[in-house]
Amino acid sequence: MDIEYTFVMIKPEAVSRKLIGRIISRYEDAGFTIHRMGIQTVSEEWARELYKEHEGEEFEHLVSQIANKRVVLLGLTRERAIEKAIALSGAADPMKAAPGTIRGDFGVVGNDNIVHASDSPNSAAREASLMRSTIRGNL
């Protein structure tokens, strides 16, 4: 099977709660390799571009969660990376996420769900491109 690339973002709530290392360890323990990583304060424009697929009822909330706040951007690789990152991240609502998933173990309330993970090959490619335009150099 081919190695696949995916994008994951550790959201500001997790950054402020000092969960970065614990979350990254979960991905590494699951066989992911960090291909690219950076910690950034992302602009509102960047947040809107990231979440443009979600324009509608929750769009403004998603944007406000991350705009002008520090996040950790991760480019991860492994076999079936997109599928595995989604499974490890858990259900979007932390109250519905299974124990043992990142959102299930660290999430607290509703849409403030600790991490964002690409949900398809097209999203992963678009979001990884957005990440590369944000992180300078080859990290």
N, C-alpha and C. Protein backbone atom coordinates (compact mmCIF):
# COMPACT_ATOMS: atom_id res chain seq x y z
N MET A 1 0.84 -1.18 0.00
CA MET A 1 0.00 0.00 0.00
C MET A 1 0.89 1.25 0.00
N ASP A 2 0.42 2.30 -0.64
CA ASP A 2 1.19 3.53 -0.77
C ASP A 2 1.10 4.39 0.49
N ILE A 3 2.16 5.13 0.72
CA ILE A 3 2.19 6.09 1.81
C ILE A 3 1.35 7.29 1.39
N GLU A 4 0.54 7.77 2.30
CA GLU A 4 -0.37 8.88 2.04
C GLU A 4 0.00 10.05 2.94
N TYR A 5 -0.31 11.25 2.49
CA TYR A 5 -0.01 12.47 3.23
C TYR A 5 -1.33 13.06 3.73
N THR A 6 -1.34 13.57 4.96
CA THR A 6 -2.52 14.24 5.47
C THR A 6 -2.13 15.45 6.31
N PHE A 7 -3.10 16.29 6.55
CA PHE A 7 -2.92 17.52 7.33
C PHE A 7 -3.70 17.40 8.63
N VAL A 8 -3.06 17.80 9.73
CA VAL A 8 -3.71 17.88 11.04
C VAL A 8 -3.33 19.22 11.66
N MET A 9 -4.29 19.83 12.33
CA MET A 9 -4.02 21.07 13.06
C MET A 9 -4.41 20.86 14.51
N ILE A 10 -3.50 21.16 15.40
CA ILE A 10 -3.80 21.17 16.84
C ILE A 10 -4.33 22.57 17.13
N LYS A 11 -5.56 22.63 17.62
CA LYS A 11 -6.27 23.90 17.77
C LYS A 11 -5.83 24.68 19.02
N PRO A 12 -6.18 25.98 19.06
CA PRO A 12 -5.74 26.86 20.15
C PRO A 12 -6.08 26.36 21.55
N GLU A 13 -7.24 25.74 21.72
CA GLU A 13 -7.60 25.24 23.05
C GLU A 13 -6.57 24.24 23.55
N ALA A 14 -6.14 23.33 22.67
CA ALA A 14 -5.14 22.33 23.04
C ALA A 14 -3.78 22.98 23.29
N VAL A 15 -3.45 23.99 22.48
CA VAL A 15 -2.18 24.71 22.67
C VAL A 15 -2.18 25.38 24.05
N SER A 16 -3.26 26.07 24.38
CA SER A 16 -3.31 26.78 25.67
C SER A 16 -3.36 25.82 26.87
N ARG A 17 -3.89 24.63 26.65
CA ARG A 17 -3.95 23.63 27.72
C ARG A 17 -2.67 22.78 27.80
N LYS A 18 -1.67 23.13 26.98
CA LYS A 18 -0.37 22.45 26.97
C LYS A 18 -0.47 20.96 26.64
N LEU A 19 -1.26 20.66 25.60
CA LEU A 19 -1.48 19.29 25.17
C LEU A 19 -0.70 18.93 23.90
N ILE A 20 0.11 19.84 23.39
CA ILE A 20 0.79 19.62 22.10
C ILE A 20 1.58 18.32 22.10
N GLY A 21 2.46 18.13 23.06
CA GLY A 21 3.30 16.94 23.10
C GLY A 21 2.51 15.66 23.22
N ARG A 22 1.48 15.67 24.06
CA ARG A 22 0.66 14.47 24.24
C ARG A 22 -0.09 14.12 22.96
N ILE A 23 -0.58 15.14 22.25
CA ILE A 23 -1.31 14.88 21.00
C ILE A 23 -0.36 14.39 19.91
N ILE A 24 0.77 15.04 19.76
CA ILE A 24 1.74 14.59 18.76
C ILE A 24 2.18 13.16 19.04
N SER A 25 2.38 12.82 20.30
CA SER A 25 2.76 11.45 20.67
C SER A 25 1.71 10.43 20.22
N ARG A 26 0.45 10.80 20.31
CA ARG A 26 -0.62 9.89 19.88
C ARG A 26 -0.48 9.57 18.39
N TYR A 27 -0.21 10.61 17.57
CA TYR A 27 -0.05 10.37 16.14
C TYR A 27 1.21 9.55 15.87
N GLU A 28 2.31 9.88 16.52
CA GLU A 28 3.54 9.12 16.30
C GLU A 28 3.38 7.67 16.77
N ASP A 29 2.74 7.46 17.92
CA ASP A 29 2.53 6.10 18.42
C ASP A 29 1.66 5.28 17.48
N ALA A 30 0.82 5.96 16.69
CA ALA A 30 -0.06 5.29 15.72
C ALA A 30 0.64 5.07 14.38
N GLY A 31 1.92 5.35 14.30
CA GLY A 31 2.68 5.05 13.08
C GLY A 31 2.83 6.20 12.11
N PHE A 32 2.38 7.40 12.49
CA PHE A 32 2.54 8.56 11.60
C PHE A 32 3.97 9.08 11.71
N THR A 33 4.46 9.60 10.60
CA THR A 33 5.74 10.30 10.57
C THR A 33 5.43 11.78 10.33
N ILE A 34 6.08 12.63 11.09
CA ILE A 34 5.92 14.07 10.88
C ILE A 34 6.78 14.47 9.71
N HIS A 35 6.13 14.94 8.66
CA HIS A 35 6.82 15.38 7.45
C HIS A 35 7.09 16.89 7.52
N ARG A 36 6.16 17.62 8.12
CA ARG A 36 6.28 19.07 8.24
C ARG A 36 5.53 19.49 9.49
N MET A 37 6.08 20.49 10.22
CA MET A 37 5.42 20.95 11.43
C MET A 37 5.78 22.41 11.68
N GLY A 38 4.83 23.14 12.21
CA GLY A 38 5.08 24.52 12.60
C GLY A 38 4.04 24.99 13.58
N ILE A 39 4.43 25.92 14.41
CA ILE A 39 3.49 26.56 15.32
C ILE A 39 3.33 27.99 14.84
N GLN A 40 2.10 28.39 14.61
CA GLN A 40 1.81 29.67 13.97
C GLN A 40 0.61 30.35 14.64
N THR A 41 0.56 31.65 14.53
CA THR A 41 -0.67 32.38 14.78
C THR A 41 -1.28 32.58 13.40
N VAL A 42 -2.49 32.07 13.20
CA VAL A 42 -3.08 32.12 11.86
C VAL A 42 -4.04 33.30 11.74
N SER A 43 -4.05 33.88 10.57
CA SER A 43 -4.90 35.04 10.30
C SER A 43 -6.35 34.62 10.09
N GLU A 44 -7.23 35.60 10.15
CA GLU A 44 -8.64 35.31 9.86
C GLU A 44 -8.80 34.85 8.42
N GLU A 45 -8.06 35.46 7.51
CA GLU A 45 -8.11 35.06 6.09
C GLU A 45 -7.71 33.60 5.93
N TRP A 46 -6.64 33.18 6.61
CA TRP A 46 -6.17 31.81 6.55
C TRP A 46 -7.24 30.87 7.10
N ALA A 47 -7.84 31.24 8.23
CA ALA A 47 -8.88 30.41 8.85
C ALA A 47 -10.08 30.26 7.91
N ARG A 48 -10.46 31.34 7.25
CA ARG A 48 -11.59 31.29 6.32
C ARG A 48 -11.27 30.37 5.14
N GLU A 49 -10.04 30.40 4.68
CA GLU A 49 -9.64 29.53 3.57
C GLU A 49 -9.64 28.06 4.03
N LEU A 50 -9.15 27.80 5.22
CA LEU A 50 -9.13 26.43 5.73
C LEU A 50 -10.54 25.85 5.82
N TYR A 51 -11.47 26.63 6.33
CA TYR A 51 -12.82 26.14 6.59
C TYR A 51 -13.83 26.49 5.50
N LYS A 52 -13.37 26.90 4.32
CA LYS A 52 -14.30 27.35 3.28
C LYS A 52 -15.31 26.27 2.88
N GLU A 53 -14.95 25.01 3.02
CA GLU A 53 -15.88 23.92 2.70
C GLU A 53 -17.06 23.87 3.68
N HIS A 54 -16.93 24.55 4.81
CA HIS A 54 -17.95 24.51 5.85
C HIS A 54 -18.80 25.78 5.91
N GLU A 55 -18.73 26.60 4.85
CA GLU A 55 -19.52 27.83 4.86
C GLU A 55 -20.98 27.47 5.11
N GLY A 56 -21.57 28.19 6.03
CA GLY A 56 -22.94 27.90 6.44
C GLY A 56 -23.08 28.12 7.93
N GLU A 57 -23.86 27.26 8.56
CA GLU A 57 -24.24 27.51 9.94
C GLU A 57 -23.09 27.55 10.94
N GLU A 58 -22.06 26.73 10.79
CA GLU A 58 -21.00 26.72 11.79
C GLU A 58 -19.71 27.42 11.34
N PHE A 59 -19.72 27.98 10.15
CA PHE A 59 -18.52 28.57 9.56
C PHE A 59 -17.89 29.64 10.45
N GLU A 60 -18.67 30.62 10.87
CA GLU A 60 -18.13 31.72 11.67
C GLU A 60 -17.56 31.23 13.00
N HIS A 61 -18.20 30.24 13.59
CA HIS A 61 -17.68 29.68 14.84
C HIS A 61 -16.32 29.00 14.60
N LEU A 62 -16.23 28.21 13.55
CA LEU A 62 -14.97 27.53 13.23
C LEU A 62 -13.85 28.54 13.00
N VAL A 63 -14.15 29.58 12.24
CA VAL A 63 -13.16 30.62 11.95
C VAL A 63 -12.73 31.31 13.24
N SER A 64 -13.69 31.69 14.08
CA SER A 64 -13.36 32.41 15.31
C SER A 64 -12.57 31.56 16.29
N GLN A 65 -12.71 30.24 16.21
CA GLN A 65 -11.95 29.33 17.08
C GLN A 65 -10.45 29.45 16.86
N ILE A 66 -10.03 29.69 15.62
CA ILE A 66 -8.59 29.63 15.32
C ILE A 66 -7.99 30.95 14.85
N ALA A 67 -8.81 31.88 14.36
CA ALA A 67 -8.28 33.13 13.79
C ALA A 67 -7.54 33.93 14.85
N ASN A 68 -6.33 34.37 14.48
CA ASN A 68 -5.48 35.19 15.33
C ASN A 68 -5.07 34.50 16.62
N LYS A 69 -5.00 33.17 16.55
CA LYS A 69 -4.59 32.37 17.70
C LYS A 69 -3.50 31.39 17.26
N ARG A 70 -2.75 30.89 18.24
CA ARG A 70 -1.67 29.95 17.96
C ARG A 70 -2.21 28.54 17.75
N VAL A 71 -1.74 27.91 16.68
CA VAL A 71 -2.08 26.53 16.35
C VAL A 71 -0.79 25.80 15.98
N VAL A 72 -0.85 24.49 15.99
CA VAL A 72 0.26 23.66 15.50
C VAL A 72 -0.23 23.00 14.22
N LEU A 73 0.54 23.19 13.15
CA LEU A 73 0.21 22.63 11.84
C LEU A 73 1.12 21.42 11.61
N LEU A 74 0.51 20.29 11.25
CA LEU A 74 1.26 19.06 11.05
C LEU A 74 0.97 18.46 9.67
N GLY A 75 2.01 18.13 8.96
CA GLY A 75 1.90 17.33 7.75
C GLY A 75 2.39 15.94 8.11
N LEU A 76 1.50 14.95 8.05
CA LEU A 76 1.79 13.60 8.53
C LEU A 76 1.72 12.60 7.39
N THR A 77 2.53 11.56 7.46
CA THR A 77 2.50 10.50 6.46
C THR A 77 2.42 9.14 7.13
N ARG A 78 1.82 8.21 6.41
CA ARG A 78 1.75 6.78 6.73
C ARG A 78 0.81 6.13 5.74
N GLU A 79 0.69 4.83 5.76
CA GLU A 79 -0.31 4.14 4.95
C GLU A 79 -1.69 4.55 5.44
N ARG A 80 -2.61 4.83 4.50
CA ARG A 80 -3.99 5.20 4.82
C ARG A 80 -4.04 6.34 5.86
N ALA A 81 -3.20 7.34 5.67
CA ALA A 81 -3.03 8.42 6.64
C ALA A 81 -4.33 9.18 6.92
N ILE A 82 -5.09 9.48 5.89
CA ILE A 82 -6.31 10.28 6.07
C ILE A 82 -7.30 9.51 6.94
N GLU A 83 -7.56 8.28 6.55
CA GLU A 83 -8.50 7.43 7.30
C GLU A 83 -8.04 7.24 8.75
N LYS A 84 -6.75 6.97 8.94
CA LYS A 84 -6.23 6.71 10.28
C LYS A 84 -6.23 7.96 11.15
N ALA A 85 -5.93 9.12 10.56
CA ALA A 85 -5.95 10.37 11.34
C ALA A 85 -7.37 10.70 11.80
N ILE A 86 -8.34 10.49 10.92
CA ILE A 86 -9.75 10.72 11.29
C ILE A 86 -10.15 9.79 12.44
N ALA A 87 -9.79 8.51 12.32
CA ALA A 87 -10.15 7.55 13.37
C ALA A 87 -9.49 7.89 14.70
N LEU A 88 -8.22 8.25 14.66
CA LEU A 88 -7.50 8.59 15.88
C LEU A 88 -8.01 9.89 16.50
N SER A 89 -8.43 10.82 15.65
CA SER A 89 -8.95 12.10 16.15
C SER A 89 -10.28 11.89 16.87
N GLY A 90 -11.14 11.02 16.37
CA GLY A 90 -12.43 10.75 17.00
C GLY A 90 -13.53 11.63 16.43
N ALA A 91 -14.74 11.40 16.90
CA ALA A 91 -15.91 12.16 16.44
C ALA A 91 -15.72 13.64 16.70
N ALA A 92 -16.26 14.48 15.79
CA ALA A 92 -16.09 15.93 15.90
C ALA A 92 -16.61 16.48 17.22
N ASP A 93 -17.70 15.95 17.71
CA ASP A 93 -18.25 16.36 19.01
C ASP A 93 -17.54 15.55 20.09
N PRO A 94 -16.72 16.19 20.94
CA PRO A 94 -15.96 15.43 21.93
C PRO A 94 -16.84 14.62 22.89
N MET A 95 -18.10 15.05 23.07
CA MET A 95 -19.00 14.31 23.94
C MET A 95 -19.44 12.99 23.30
N LYS A 96 -19.28 12.88 21.98
CA LYS A 96 -19.63 11.65 21.27
C LYS A 96 -18.40 10.86 20.85
N ALA A 97 -17.22 11.41 21.06
CA ALA A 97 -15.98 10.75 20.65
C ALA A 97 -15.64 9.62 21.62
N ALA A 98 -15.18 8.52 21.08
CA ALA A 98 -14.86 7.34 21.88
C ALA A 98 -13.64 7.58 22.76
N PRO A 99 -13.64 6.99 23.95
CA PRO A 99 -12.42 7.02 24.77
C PRO A 99 -11.28 6.40 23.97
N GLY A 100 -10.09 6.94 24.15
CA GLY A 100 -8.93 6.47 23.40
C GLY A 100 -8.65 7.29 22.17
N THR A 101 -9.64 8.10 21.73
CA THR A 101 -9.39 9.03 20.64
C THR A 101 -8.93 10.36 21.23
N ILE A 102 -8.31 11.18 20.42
CA ILE A 102 -7.80 12.47 20.91
C ILE A 102 -8.94 13.35 21.39
N ARG A 103 -10.00 13.46 20.61
CA ARG A 103 -11.12 14.30 21.02
C ARG A 103 -11.87 13.69 22.21
N GLY A 104 -11.97 12.37 22.25
CA GLY A 104 -12.63 11.70 23.36
C GLY A 104 -11.88 11.87 24.66
N ASP A 105 -10.56 11.87 24.61
CA ASP A 105 -9.76 11.97 25.83
C ASP A 105 -9.48 13.41 26.26
N PHE A 106 -9.35 14.33 25.29
CA PHE A 106 -8.94 15.70 25.63
C PHE A 106 -10.00 16.76 25.36
N GLY A 107 -11.00 16.45 24.53
CA GLY A 107 -12.02 17.44 24.19
C GLY A 107 -12.92 17.73 25.37
N VAL A 108 -13.49 18.93 25.36
CA VAL A 108 -14.34 19.33 26.47
C VAL A 108 -15.76 19.63 26.02
N VAL A 109 -15.92 20.53 25.04
CA VAL A 109 -17.26 21.00 24.68
C VAL A 109 -17.43 21.10 23.17
N GLY A 110 -18.56 20.66 22.66
CA GLY A 110 -19.02 20.88 21.29
C GLY A 110 -17.96 20.97 20.22
N ASN A 111 -18.01 22.06 19.44
CA ASN A 111 -17.11 22.24 18.29
C ASN A 111 -15.69 22.60 18.69
N ASP A 112 -15.43 22.89 19.95
CA ASP A 112 -14.07 23.16 20.40
C ASP A 112 -13.40 21.80 20.61
N ASN A 113 -13.00 21.18 19.51
CA ASN A 113 -12.69 19.75 19.53
C ASN A 113 -11.21 19.41 19.40
N ILE A 114 -10.33 20.25 19.85
CA ILE A 114 -8.90 19.97 20.03
C ILE A 114 -8.09 19.89 18.74
N VAL A 115 -8.55 19.13 17.73
CA VAL A 115 -7.79 18.97 16.49
C VAL A 115 -8.70 19.07 15.27
N HIS A 116 -8.09 19.41 14.16
CA HIS A 116 -8.73 19.35 12.85
C HIS A 116 -7.92 18.35 12.04
N ALA A 117 -8.58 17.45 11.35
CA ALA A 117 -7.90 16.50 10.47
C ALA A 117 -8.59 16.49 9.11
N SER A 118 -7.81 16.48 8.06
CA SER A 118 -8.36 16.43 6.70
C SER A 118 -9.26 15.21 6.56
N ASP A 119 -10.39 15.38 5.84
CA ASP A 119 -11.36 14.29 5.75
C ASP A 119 -11.42 13.61 4.38
N SER A 120 -10.56 14.03 3.45
CA SER A 120 -10.56 13.41 2.12
C SER A 120 -9.23 13.73 1.45
N PRO A 121 -8.88 13.00 0.39
CA PRO A 121 -7.65 13.32 -0.34
C PRO A 121 -7.65 14.75 -0.89
N ASN A 122 -8.80 15.22 -1.40
CA ASN A 122 -8.86 16.60 -1.92
C ASN A 122 -8.64 17.62 -0.80
N SER A 123 -9.29 17.40 0.35
CA SER A 123 -9.10 18.31 1.48
C SER A 123 -7.65 18.29 1.97
N ALA A 124 -7.08 17.09 2.04
CA ALA A 124 -5.69 16.97 2.51
C ALA A 124 -4.74 17.74 1.59
N ALA A 125 -4.94 17.63 0.29
CA ALA A 125 -4.08 18.33 -0.67
C ALA A 125 -4.25 19.84 -0.54
N ARG A 126 -5.49 20.30 -0.46
CA ARG A 126 -5.76 21.74 -0.35
C ARG A 126 -5.23 22.29 0.97
N GLU A 127 -5.48 21.59 2.07
CA GLU A 127 -5.06 22.06 3.38
C GLU A 127 -3.54 21.98 3.54
N ALA A 128 -2.92 20.97 2.98
CA ALA A 128 -1.46 20.88 3.02
C ALA A 128 -0.83 22.03 2.23
N SER A 129 -1.42 22.38 1.11
CA SER A 129 -0.94 23.52 0.32
C SER A 129 -1.06 24.81 1.11
N LEU A 130 -2.17 24.96 1.80
CA LEU A 130 -2.37 26.13 2.65
C LEU A 130 -1.33 26.17 3.76
N MET A 131 -1.04 25.01 4.35
CA MET A 131 -0.02 24.92 5.40
C MET A 131 1.35 25.30 4.84
N ARG A 132 1.71 24.77 3.67
CA ARG A 132 3.02 25.06 3.08
C ARG A 132 3.17 26.55 2.80
N SER A 133 2.09 27.23 2.44
CA SER A 133 2.17 28.66 2.17
C SER A 133 2.33 29.46 3.46
N THR A 134 2.03 28.84 4.58
CA THR A 134 2.10 29.51 5.88
C THR A 134 3.42 29.26 6.57
N ILE A 135 3.90 28.02 6.51
CA ILE A 135 5.16 27.67 7.16
C ILE A 135 6.28 27.92 6.19
N ARG A 136 7.19 28.75 6.58
CA ARG A 136 8.33 29.09 5.72
C ARG A 136 9.41 28.02 5.86
N GLY A 137 10.00 27.66 4.74
CA GLY A 137 11.11 26.71 4.76
C GLY A 137 10.63 25.27 4.80
N ASN A 138 11.55 24.35 4.78
CA ASN A 138 11.23 22.94 4.79
C ASN A 138 11.47 22.40 6.19
N LEU A 139 10.43 22.40 7.00
CA LEU A 139 10.56 21.96 8.39
C LEU A 139 10.40 20.46 8.51
